PDB file of N, CA and C in Angstrom:
ATOM      1  N   MET A   1      10.366   1.786 -14.135  1.00  0.00           N
ATOM      2  CA  MET A   1       8.940   1.984 -13.931  1.00  0.00           C
ATOM      3  C   MET A   1       8.719   2.753 -12.630  1.00  0.00           C
ATOM      4  N   ASP A   2       7.826   3.695 -12.681  1.00  0.00           N
ATOM      5  CA  ASP A   2       7.478   4.466 -11.502  1.00  0.00           C
ATOM      6  C   ASP A   2       6.600   3.607 -10.592  1.00  0.00           C
ATOM      7  N   LEU A   3       7.094   3.303  -9.410  1.00  0.00           N
ATOM      8  CA  LEU A   3       6.343   2.442  -8.492  1.00  0.00           C
ATOM      9  C   LEU A   3       4.979   3.016  -8.142  1.00  0.00           C
ATOM     10  N   LEU A   4       4.893   4.322  -8.018  1.00  0.00           N
ATOM     11  CA  LEU A   4       3.621   4.925  -7.619  1.00  0.00           C
ATOM     12  C   LEU A   4       2.528   4.745  -8.662  1.00  0.00           C
ATOM     13  N   SER A   5       2.891   4.412  -9.887  1.00  0.00           N
ATOM     14  CA  SER A   5       1.864   4.161 -10.901  1.00  0.00           C
ATOM     15  C   SER A   5       1.079   2.888 -10.589  1.00  0.00           C
ATOM     16  N   ARG A   6       1.595   2.061  -9.690  1.00  0.00           N
ATOM     17  CA  ARG A   6       0.893   0.852  -9.265  1.00  0.00           C
ATOM     18  C   ARG A   6      -0.240   1.172  -8.285  1.00  0.00           C
ATOM     19  N   ILE A   7      -0.188   2.345  -7.685  1.00  0.00           N
ATOM     20  CA  ILE A   7      -1.218   2.743  -6.720  1.00  0.00           C
ATOM     21  C   ILE A   7      -2.287   3.526  -7.481  1.00  0.00           C
ATOM     22  N   THR A   8      -3.512   3.044  -7.389  1.00  0.00           N
ATOM     23  CA  THR A   8      -4.610   3.639  -8.136  1.00  0.00           C
ATOM     24  C   THR A   8      -5.738   4.042  -7.207  1.00  0.00           C
ATOM     25  N   GLN A   9      -6.513   5.010  -7.673  1.00  0.00           N
ATOM     26  CA  GLN A   9      -7.700   5.432  -6.942  1.00  0.00           C
ATOM     27  C   GLN A   9      -8.849   5.521  -7.934  1.00  0.00           C
ATOM     28  N   ASP A  10      -9.897   4.787  -7.662  1.00  0.00           N
ATOM     29  CA  ASP A  10     -11.071   4.750  -8.518  1.00  0.00           C
ATOM     30  C   ASP A  10     -12.281   4.755  -7.597  1.00  0.00           C
ATOM     31  N   PRO A  11     -13.191   5.694  -7.775  1.00  0.00           N
ATOM     32  CA  PRO A  11     -14.349   5.759  -6.878  1.00  0.00           C
ATOM     33  C   PRO A  11     -15.197   4.483  -6.895  1.00  0.00           C
ATOM     34  N   LEU A  12     -15.047   3.672  -7.929  1.00  0.00           N
ATOM     35  CA  LEU A  12     -15.818   2.428  -8.024  1.00  0.00           C
ATOM     36  C   LEU A  12     -15.105   1.232  -7.398  1.00  0.00           C
ATOM     37  N   VAL A  13     -13.868   1.434  -6.966  1.00  0.00           N
ATOM     38  CA  VAL A  13     -13.089   0.351  -6.350  1.00  0.00           C
ATOM     39  C   VAL A  13     -12.749   0.751  -4.925  1.00  0.00           C
ATOM     40  N   MET A  14     -13.253   0.004  -3.963  1.00  0.00           N
ATOM     41  CA  MET A  14     -12.983   0.233  -2.546  1.00  0.00           C
ATOM     42  C   MET A  14     -13.284   1.680  -2.129  1.00  0.00           C
ATOM     43  N   SER A  15     -14.363   2.205  -2.647  1.00  0.00           N
ATOM     44  CA  SER A  15     -14.827   3.567  -2.310  1.00  0.00           C
ATOM     45  C   SER A  15     -13.782   4.645  -2.564  1.00  0.00           C
ATOM     46  N   GLY A  16     -12.910   4.412  -3.524  1.00  0.00           N
ATOM     47  CA  GLY A  16     -11.912   5.415  -3.881  1.00  0.00           C
ATOM     48  C   GLY A  16     -10.653   5.420  -3.053  1.00  0.00           C
ATOM     49  N   ARG A  17     -10.551   4.490  -2.102  1.00  0.00           N
ATOM     50  CA  ARG A  17      -9.311   4.418  -1.315  1.00  0.00           C
ATOM     51  C   ARG A  17      -8.157   3.968  -2.211  1.00  0.00           C
ATOM     52  N   PRO A  18      -6.935   4.354  -1.904  1.00  0.00           N
ATOM     53  CA  PRO A  18      -5.792   3.923  -2.715  1.00  0.00           C
ATOM     54  C   PRO A  18      -5.660   2.398  -2.694  1.00  0.00           C
ATOM     55  N   THR A  19      -5.588   1.819  -3.890  1.00  0.00           N
ATOM     56  CA  THR A  19      -5.477   0.373  -4.025  1.00  0.00           C
ATOM     57  C   THR A  19      -4.277   0.020  -4.893  1.00  0.00           C
ATOM     58  N   ILE A  20      -3.973  -1.253  -4.908  1.00  0.00           N
ATOM     59  CA  ILE A  20      -2.883  -1.756  -5.735  1.00  0.00           C
ATOM     60  C   ILE A  20      -3.460  -2.190  -7.082  1.00  0.00           C
ATOM     61  N   ARG A  21      -3.021  -1.543  -8.135  1.00  0.00           N
ATOM     62  CA  ARG A  21      -3.379  -1.875  -9.520  1.00  0.00           C
ATOM     63  C   ARG A  21      -4.878  -2.109  -9.728  1.00  0.00           C
ATOM     64  N   LYS A  22      -5.690  -1.239  -9.173  1.00  0.00           N
ATOM     65  CA  LYS A  22      -7.153  -1.283  -9.300  1.00  0.00           C
ATOM     66  C   LYS A  22      -7.775  -2.567  -8.752  1.00  0.00           C
ATOM     67  N   MET A  23      -7.017  -3.293  -7.938  1.00  0.00           N
ATOM     68  CA  MET A  23      -7.557  -4.493  -7.301  1.00  0.00           C
ATOM     69  C   MET A  23      -8.234  -4.090  -6.002  1.00  0.00           C
ATOM     70  N   ARG A  24      -8.952  -4.991  -5.430  1.00  0.00           N
ATOM     71  CA  ARG A  24      -9.637  -4.743  -4.168  1.00  0.00           C
ATOM     72  C   ARG A  24      -8.704  -5.041  -2.998  1.00  0.00           C
ATOM     73  N   PHE A  25      -7.510  -4.501  -3.078  1.00  0.00           N
ATOM     74  CA  PHE A  25      -6.490  -4.652  -2.047  1.00  0.00           C
ATOM     75  C   PHE A  25      -5.911  -3.265  -1.811  1.00  0.00           C
ATOM     76  N   THR A  26      -6.174  -2.703  -0.638  1.00  0.00           N
ATOM     77  CA  THR A  26      -5.794  -1.317  -0.386  1.00  0.00           C
ATOM     78  C   THR A  26      -4.358  -1.187   0.130  1.00  0.00           C
ATOM     79  N   VAL A  27      -3.852   0.026  -0.018  1.00  0.00           N
ATOM     80  CA  VAL A  27      -2.537   0.350   0.526  1.00  0.00           C
ATOM     81  C   VAL A  27      -2.547   0.134   2.032  1.00  0.00           C
ATOM     82  N   VAL A  28      -3.629   0.535   2.683  1.00  0.00           N
ATOM     83  CA  VAL A  28      -3.733   0.366   4.140  1.00  0.00           C
ATOM     84  C   VAL A  28      -3.659  -1.111   4.524  1.00  0.00           C
ATOM     85  N   GLN A  29      -4.308  -1.979   3.768  1.00  0.00           N
ATOM     86  CA  GLN A  29      -4.230  -3.413   4.064  1.00  0.00           C
ATOM     87  C   GLN A  29      -2.784  -3.889   4.013  1.00  0.00           C
ATOM     88  N   MET A  30      -2.056  -3.452   3.000  1.00  0.00           N
ATOM     89  CA  MET A  30      -0.654  -3.858   2.870  1.00  0.00           C
ATOM     90  C   MET A  30       0.165  -3.337   4.044  1.00  0.00           C
ATOM     91  N   LEU A  31      -0.027  -2.076   4.386  1.00  0.00           N
ATOM     92  CA  LEU A  31       0.741  -1.504   5.490  1.00  0.00           C
ATOM     93  C   LEU A  31       0.418  -2.203   6.811  1.00  0.00           C
ATOM     94  N   GLU A  32      -0.828  -2.599   6.992  1.00  0.00           N
ATOM     95  CA  GLU A  32      -1.199  -3.338   8.212  1.00  0.00           C
ATOM     96  C   GLU A  32      -0.503  -4.692   8.267  1.00  0.00           C
ATOM     97  N   LEU A  33      -0.385  -5.368   7.130  1.00  0.00           N
ATOM     98  CA  LEU A  33       0.325  -6.651   7.097  1.00  0.00           C
ATOM     99  C   LEU A  33       1.788  -6.454   7.482  1.00  0.00           C
ATOM    100  N   LEU A  34       2.414  -5.451   6.887  1.00  0.00           N
ATOM    101  CA  LEU A  34       3.822  -5.179   7.184  1.00  0.00           C
ATOM    102  C   LEU A  34       4.007  -4.759   8.634  1.00  0.00           C
ATOM    103  N   ALA A  35       3.140  -3.886   9.127  1.00  0.00           N
ATOM    104  CA  ALA A  35       3.237  -3.428  10.522  1.00  0.00           C
ATOM    105  C   ALA A  35       2.986  -4.571  11.495  1.00  0.00           C
ATOM    106  N   GLY A  36       2.209  -5.547  11.066  1.00  0.00           N
ATOM    107  CA  GLY A  36       1.940  -6.708  11.910  1.00  0.00           C
ATOM    108  C   GLY A  36       3.074  -7.717  11.924  1.00  0.00           C
ATOM    109  N   GLY A  37       4.109  -7.465  11.132  1.00  0.00           N
ATOM    110  CA  GLY A  37       5.292  -8.323  11.177  1.00  0.00           C
ATOM    111  C   GLY A  37       5.438  -9.300  10.028  1.00  0.00           C
ATOM    112  N   MET A  38       4.521  -9.282   9.067  1.00  0.00           N
ATOM    113  CA  MET A  38       4.668 -10.195   7.933  1.00  0.00           C
ATOM    114  C   MET A  38       5.840  -9.753   7.067  1.00  0.00           C
ATOM    115  N   SER A  39       6.581 -10.725   6.592  1.00  0.00           N
ATOM    116  CA  SER A  39       7.693 -10.424   5.690  1.00  0.00           C
ATOM    117  C   SER A  39       7.168 -10.314   4.263  1.00  0.00           C
ATOM    118  N   THR A  40       7.977  -9.744   3.406  1.00  0.00           N
ATOM    119  CA  THR A  40       7.622  -9.643   1.995  1.00  0.00           C
ATOM    120  C   THR A  40       7.322 -11.028   1.425  1.00  0.00           C
ATOM    121  N   GLU A  41       8.152 -11.984   1.770  1.00  0.00           N
ATOM    122  CA  GLU A  41       7.976 -13.343   1.258  1.00  0.00           C
ATOM    123  C   GLU A  41       6.656 -13.951   1.731  1.00  0.00           C
ATOM    124  N   GLU A  42       6.311 -13.731   2.995  1.00  0.00           N
ATOM    125  CA  GLU A  42       5.053 -14.259   3.524  1.00  0.00           C
ATOM    126  C   GLU A  42       3.849 -13.634   2.820  1.00  0.00           C
ATOM    127  N   ILE A  43       3.924 -12.338   2.577  1.00  0.00           N
ATOM    128  CA  ILE A  43       2.826 -11.654   1.891  1.00  0.00           C
ATOM    129  C   ILE A  43       2.660 -12.198   0.483  1.00  0.00           C
ATOM    130  N   LEU A  44       3.765 -12.342  -0.237  1.00  0.00           N
ATOM    131  CA  LEU A  44       3.699 -12.849  -1.605  1.00  0.00           C
ATOM    132  C   LEU A  44       3.203 -14.290  -1.655  1.00  0.00           C
ATOM    133  N   GLU A  45       3.518 -15.054  -0.645  1.00  0.00           N
ATOM    134  CA  GLU A  45       3.040 -16.440  -0.583  1.00  0.00           C
ATOM    135  C   GLU A  45       1.536 -16.486  -0.290  1.00  0.00           C
ATOM    136  N   ASP A  46       1.085 -15.655   0.634  1.00  0.00           N
ATOM    137  CA  ASP A  46      -0.334 -15.645   1.018  1.00  0.00           C
ATOM    138  C   ASP A  46      -1.228 -14.961  -0.024  1.00  0.00           C
ATOM    139  N   TYR A  47      -0.671 -14.047  -0.792  1.00  0.00           N
ATOM    140  CA  TYR A  47      -1.433 -13.287  -1.786  1.00  0.00           C
ATOM    141  C   TYR A  47      -0.716 -13.392  -3.131  1.00  0.00           C
ATOM    142  N   PRO A  48      -0.865 -14.520  -3.822  1.00  0.00           N
ATOM    143  CA  PRO A  48      -0.095 -14.763  -5.049  1.00  0.00           C
ATOM    144  C   PRO A  48      -0.380 -13.795  -6.200  1.00  0.00           C
ATOM    145  N   PHE A  49      -1.461 -13.043  -6.114  1.00  0.00           N
ATOM    146  CA  PHE A  49      -1.775 -12.068  -7.161  1.00  0.00           C
ATOM    147  C   PHE A  49      -0.970 -10.781  -7.000  1.00  0.00           C
ATOM    148  N   LEU A  50      -0.267 -10.634  -5.874  1.00  0.00           N
ATOM    149  CA  LEU A  50       0.563  -9.453  -5.637  1.00  0.00           C
ATOM    150  C   LEU A  50       1.978  -9.688  -6.147  1.00  0.00           C
ATOM    151  N   GLU A  51       2.662  -8.598  -6.424  1.00  0.00           N
ATOM    152  CA  GLU A  51       4.052  -8.645  -6.867  1.00  0.00           C
ATOM    153  C   GLU A  51       4.916  -7.852  -5.888  1.00  0.00           C
ATOM    154  N   ARG A  52       6.181  -8.181  -5.856  1.00  0.00           N
ATOM    155  CA  ARG A  52       7.110  -7.516  -4.938  1.00  0.00           C
ATOM    156  C   ARG A  52       7.059  -5.990  -5.097  1.00  0.00           C
ATOM    157  N   ASP A  53       6.994  -5.516  -6.328  1.00  0.00           N
ATOM    158  CA  ASP A  53       6.935  -4.076  -6.552  1.00  0.00           C
ATOM    159  C   ASP A  53       5.650  -3.457  -6.004  1.00  0.00           C
ATOM    160  N   ASP A  54       4.591  -4.230  -5.848  1.00  0.00           N
ATOM    161  CA  ASP A  54       3.366  -3.718  -5.217  1.00  0.00           C
ATOM    162  C   ASP A  54       3.636  -3.333  -3.770  1.00  0.00           C
ATOM    163  N   ILE A  55       4.413  -4.150  -3.097  1.00  0.00           N
ATOM    164  CA  ILE A  55       4.756  -3.877  -1.695  1.00  0.00           C
ATOM    165  C   ILE A  55       5.607  -2.616  -1.605  1.00  0.00           C
ATOM    166  N   TYR A  56       6.616  -2.526  -2.470  1.00  0.00           N
ATOM    167  CA  TYR A  56       7.470  -1.339  -2.480  1.00  0.00           C
ATOM    168  C   TYR A  56       6.671  -0.091  -2.830  1.00  0.00           C
ATOM    169  N   ALA A  57       5.712  -0.220  -3.723  1.00  0.00           N
ATOM    170  CA  ALA A  57       4.871   0.915  -4.102  1.00  0.00           C
ATOM    171  C   ALA A  57       4.057   1.411  -2.915  1.00  0.00           C
ATOM    172  N   CYS A  58       3.532   0.489  -2.113  1.00  0.00           N
ATOM    173  CA  CYS A  58       2.766   0.880  -0.923  1.00  0.00           C
ATOM    174  C   CYS A  58       3.643   1.612   0.074  1.00  0.00           C
ATOM    175  N   LEU A  59       4.860   1.144   0.245  1.00  0.00           N
ATOM    176  CA  LEU A  59       5.784   1.819   1.153  1.00  0.00           C
ATOM    177  C   LEU A  59       6.134   3.208   0.636  1.00  0.00           C
ATOM    178  N   GLN A  60       6.373   3.313  -0.659  1.00  0.00           N
ATOM    179  CA  GLN A  60       6.693   4.616  -1.226  1.00  0.00           C
ATOM    180  C   GLN A  60       5.497   5.559  -1.102  1.00  0.00           C
ATOM    181  N   TYR A  61       4.293   5.044  -1.302  1.00  0.00           N
ATOM    182  CA  TYR A  61       3.090   5.855  -1.148  1.00  0.00           C
ATOM    183  C   TYR A  61       2.980   6.367   0.290  1.00  0.00           C
ATOM    184  N   ALA A  62       3.245   5.494   1.250  1.00  0.00           N
ATOM    185  CA  ALA A  62       3.171   5.878   2.665  1.00  0.00           C
ATOM    186  C   ALA A  62       4.193   6.962   2.988  1.00  0.00           C
ATOM    187  N   VAL A  63       5.381   6.851   2.440  1.00  0.00           N
ATOM    188  CA  VAL A  63       6.409   7.871   2.662  1.00  0.00           C
ATOM    189  C   VAL A  63       5.937   9.212   2.121  1.00  0.00           C
ATOM    190  N   ARG A  64       5.417   9.203   0.916  1.00  0.00           N
ATOM    191  CA  ARG A  64       4.951  10.453   0.309  1.00  0.00           C
ATOM    192  C   ARG A  64       3.766  11.036   1.079  1.00  0.00           C
ATOM    193  N   ALA A  65       2.874  10.178   1.531  1.00  0.00           N
ATOM    194  CA  ALA A  65       1.674  10.637   2.234  1.00  0.00           C
ATOM    195  C   ALA A  65       1.999  11.221   3.601  1.00  0.00           C
ATOM    196  N   THR A  66       3.072  10.768   4.206  1.00  0.00           N
ATOM    197  CA  THR A  66       3.409  11.231   5.553  1.00  0.00           C
ATOM    198  C   THR A  66       4.543  12.248   5.570  1.00  0.00           C
ATOM    199  N   ASN A  67       5.076  12.575   4.423  1.00  0.00           N
ATOM    200  CA  ASN A  67       6.168  13.545   4.335  1.00  0.00           C
ATOM    201  C   ASN A  67       5.578  14.952   4.377  1.00  0.00           C
ATOM    202  N   THR A  68       5.395  15.434   5.580  1.00  0.00           N
ATOM    203  CA  THR A  68       4.764  16.730   5.785  1.00  0.00           C
ATOM    204  C   THR A  68       5.507  17.489   6.866  1.00  0.00           C
ATOM    205  N   ARG A  69       5.289  18.751   6.918  1.00  0.00           N
ATOM    206  CA  ARG A  69       5.939  19.577   7.944  1.00  0.00           C
ATOM    207  C   ARG A  69       5.171  19.524   9.260  1.00  0.00           C
ATOM    208  N   GLN A  70       3.931  19.163   9.198  1.00  0.00           N
ATOM    209  CA  GLN A  70       3.136  19.064  10.417  1.00  0.00           C
ATOM    210  C   GLN A  70       3.279  17.656  10.987  1.00  0.00           C
ATOM    211  N   VAL A  71       3.456  17.597  12.303  1.00  0.00           N
ATOM    212  CA  VAL A  71       3.590  16.317  12.971  1.00  0.00           C
ATOM    213  C   VAL A  71       2.324  16.089  13.811  1.00  0.00           C
ATOM    214  N   MET A  72       1.721  14.932  13.615  1.00  0.00           N
ATOM    215  CA  MET A  72       0.496  14.604  14.348  1.00  0.00           C
ATOM    216  C   MET A  72       0.847  13.685  15.516  1.00  0.00           C
ATOM    217  N   SER A  73       0.366  14.032  16.678  1.00  0.00           N
ATOM    218  CA  SER A  73       0.614  13.216  17.853  1.00  0.00           C
ATOM    219  C   SER A  73      -0.534  12.233  18.036  1.00  0.00           C
ATOM    220  N   PHE A  74      -0.200  10.978  18.285  1.00  0.00           N
ATOM    221  CA  PHE A  74      -1.215   9.957  18.513  1.00  0.00           C
ATOM    222  C   PHE A  74      -1.331   9.587  19.985  1.00  0.00           C
ATOM    223  N   ALA A  75      -0.574  10.273  20.826  1.00  0.00           N
ATOM    224  CA  ALA A  75      -0.596   9.974  22.252  1.00  0.00           C
ATOM    225  C   ALA A  75      -1.682  10.711  22.959  1.00  0.00           C
TER     226      ALA A  75
END
């Protein structure tokens, strides 16, 4: 299964931001949890409607979204 098929965009769901399986849970929310130090197991425990492949799909989406030749400085 293509993991990226789990990431959906619908203008009627979360204002069109990328979400997980048309749920009201955005890719950005997932990345913030991971960046904040939550483990996969902790996320799955706290959000039982999510699946492990949802987490991997968000990571793959982030890789694709940031794979560019231009580098943005945040400093």
